[in-house]
Amino acid sequence: MTAALVVVVGGLLVVAAGRFRSGAVVMAVGVSLALVLRLLLPHARAGMLAVRSKGVDIAVLATLAAATGVLALWVPPPSG
């Protein structure tokens, strides 16, 4: 959980620095990391990544990672 959280916070820092698209992509990578860890780790080792059943956790994380990545690439860069 800590590794995924560090990546997501890093993405938030990039967004705060004024680079929305890059930061959002980094956040999508962080959520994807959480997804991979939830897939690979057994329930006892998943820690706070295990909220519900493994299937529900994977579905939610996959949806969130995909939506964040798509929206990060879909939002047009600022004009000016």
C-alpha atoms as a PDB file:
ATOM      1  CA  MET A   1       0.000   0.000   0.000  1.00  0.00           C
ATOM      2  CA  THR A   2       2.798   2.383   0.844  1.00  0.00           C
ATOM      3  CA  ALA A   3       4.430   2.016  -2.576  1.00  0.00           C
ATOM      4  CA  ALA A   4       1.178   2.745  -4.405  1.00  0.00           C
ATOM      5  CA  LEU A   5       0.403   5.644  -2.085  1.00  0.00           C
ATOM      6  CA  VAL A   6       3.848   7.193  -2.648  1.00  0.00           C
ATOM      7  CA  VAL A   7       3.322   7.074  -6.424  1.00  0.00           C
ATOM      8  CA  VAL A   8      -0.150   8.639  -6.165  1.00  0.00           C
ATOM      9  CA  VAL A   9       1.127  11.401  -3.859  1.00  0.00           C
ATOM     10  CA  GLY A  10       3.969  11.994  -6.313  1.00  0.00           C
ATOM     11  CA  GLY A  11       1.358  12.446  -9.028  1.00  0.00           C
ATOM     12  CA  LEU A  12      -0.516  14.930  -6.865  1.00  0.00           C
ATOM     13  CA  LEU A  13       2.704  16.887  -6.386  1.00  0.00           C
ATOM     14  CA  VAL A  14       3.238  16.965 -10.148  1.00  0.00           C
ATOM     15  CA  VAL A  15      -0.333  18.251 -10.585  1.00  0.00           C
ATOM     16  CA  ALA A  16       0.290  20.884  -7.915  1.00  0.00           C
ATOM     17  CA  ALA A  17       3.369  21.973  -9.875  1.00  0.00           C
ATOM     18  CA  GLY A  18       1.087  22.795 -12.800  1.00  0.00           C
ATOM     19  CA  ARG A  19       1.457  19.699 -14.972  1.00  0.00           C
ATOM     20  CA  PHE A  20      -2.022  18.195 -14.838  1.00  0.00           C
ATOM     21  CA  ARG A  21      -1.684  15.595 -17.576  1.00  0.00           C
ATOM     22  CA  SER A  22       1.658  14.217 -16.384  1.00  0.00           C
ATOM     23  CA  GLY A  23       0.500  14.135 -12.769  1.00  0.00           C
ATOM     24  CA  ALA A  24      -2.752  12.392 -13.632  1.00  0.00           C
ATOM     25  CA  VAL A  25      -0.864   9.747 -15.609  1.00  0.00           C
ATOM     26  CA  VAL A  26       1.444   9.195 -12.618  1.00  0.00           C
ATOM     27  CA  MET A  27      -1.621   8.812 -10.374  1.00  0.00           C
ATOM     28  CA  ALA A  28      -3.081   6.261 -12.824  1.00  0.00           C
ATOM     29  CA  VAL A  29       0.212   4.354 -12.628  1.00  0.00           C
ATOM     30  CA  GLY A  30      -0.008   4.411  -8.825  1.00  0.00           C
ATOM     31  CA  VAL A  31      -3.523   2.978  -8.867  1.00  0.00           C
ATOM     32  CA  SER A  32      -2.373   0.386 -11.411  1.00  0.00           C
ATOM     33  CA  LEU A  33       0.439  -0.563  -9.035  1.00  0.00           C
ATOM     34  CA  ALA A  34      -2.132  -1.065  -6.285  1.00  0.00           C
ATOM     35  CA  LEU A  35      -4.117  -3.254  -8.693  1.00  0.00           C
ATOM     36  CA  VAL A  36      -1.096  -5.421  -9.510  1.00  0.00           C
ATOM     37  CA  LEU A  37      -0.165  -5.743  -5.848  1.00  0.00           C
ATOM     38  CA  ARG A  38      -3.741  -6.745  -4.961  1.00  0.00           C
ATOM     39  CA  LEU A  39      -3.670  -9.335  -7.737  1.00  0.00           C
ATOM     40  CA  LEU A  40      -0.356 -10.855  -6.660  1.00  0.00           C
ATOM     41  CA  LEU A  41      -0.387 -10.655  -2.875  1.00  0.00           C
ATOM     42  CA  PRO A  42      -2.335 -13.161  -0.786  1.00  0.00           C
ATOM     43  CA  HIS A  43      -5.127 -11.764   1.367  1.00  0.00           C
ATOM     44  CA  ALA A  44      -3.049 -11.948   4.547  1.00  0.00           C
ATOM     45  CA  ARG A  45      -0.245  -9.858   2.980  1.00  0.00           C
ATOM     46  CA  ALA A  46      -2.425  -7.381   1.073  1.00  0.00           C
ATOM     47  CA  GLY A  47      -2.944  -5.255   4.168  1.00  0.00           C
ATOM     48  CA  MET A  48      -5.038  -2.160   3.534  1.00  0.00           C
ATOM     49  CA  LEU A  49      -5.319  -3.006  -0.172  1.00  0.00           C
ATOM     50  CA  ALA A  50      -7.780  -5.725   0.857  1.00  0.00           C
ATOM     51  CA  VAL A  51     -11.010  -3.866   1.521  1.00  0.00           C
ATOM     52  CA  ARG A  52     -13.653  -6.258   0.222  1.00  0.00           C
ATOM     53  CA  SER A  53     -13.370  -9.545  -1.605  1.00  0.00           C
ATOM     54  CA  LYS A  54     -10.463  -9.860  -4.016  1.00  0.00           C
ATOM     55  CA  GLY A  55     -12.753  -9.685  -7.055  1.00  0.00           C
ATOM     56  CA  VAL A  56     -14.428  -6.480  -5.917  1.00  0.00           C
ATOM     57  CA  ASP A  57     -11.098  -4.867  -5.036  1.00  0.00           C
ATOM     58  CA  ILE A  58      -9.652  -5.752  -8.438  1.00  0.00           C
ATOM     59  CA  ALA A  59     -12.729  -4.497 -10.302  1.00  0.00           C
ATOM     60  CA  VAL A  60     -12.736  -1.177  -8.433  1.00  0.00           C
ATOM     61  CA  LEU A  61      -8.997  -0.614  -8.824  1.00  0.00           C
ATOM     62  CA  ALA A  62      -9.071  -1.538 -12.525  1.00  0.00           C
ATOM     63  CA  THR A  63     -11.974   0.832 -13.162  1.00  0.00           C
ATOM     64  CA  LEU A  64     -10.306   3.657 -11.248  1.00  0.00           C
ATOM     65  CA  ALA A  65      -6.938   3.149 -12.976  1.00  0.00           C
ATOM     66  CA  ALA A  66      -8.517   3.024 -16.440  1.00  0.00           C
ATOM     67  CA  ALA A  67     -10.768   6.027 -15.817  1.00  0.00           C
ATOM     68  CA  THR A  68      -7.911   8.112 -14.422  1.00  0.00           C
ATOM     69  CA  GLY A  69      -5.645   7.219 -17.330  1.00  0.00           C
ATOM     70  CA  VAL A  70      -8.283   7.878 -19.981  1.00  0.00           C
ATOM     71  CA  LEU A  71      -9.327  11.187 -18.447  1.00  0.00           C
ATOM     72  CA  ALA A  72      -5.691  12.261 -18.057  1.00  0.00           C
ATOM     73  CA  LEU A  73      -5.113  11.754 -21.769  1.00  0.00           C
ATOM     74  CA  TRP A  74      -8.540  13.046 -22.834  1.00  0.00           C
ATOM     75  CA  VAL A  75      -8.463  16.463 -21.166  1.00  0.00           C
ATOM     76  CA  PRO A  76      -7.009  18.940 -23.652  1.00  0.00           C
ATOM     77  CA  PRO A  77      -3.908  20.862 -22.633  1.00  0.00           C
ATOM     78  CA  PRO A  78      -4.493  24.497 -21.684  1.00  0.00           C
ATOM     79  CA  SER A  79      -4.458  26.882 -24.588  1.00  0.00           C
ATOM     80  CA  GLY A  80      -2.367  29.935 -24.435  1.00  0.00           C
END
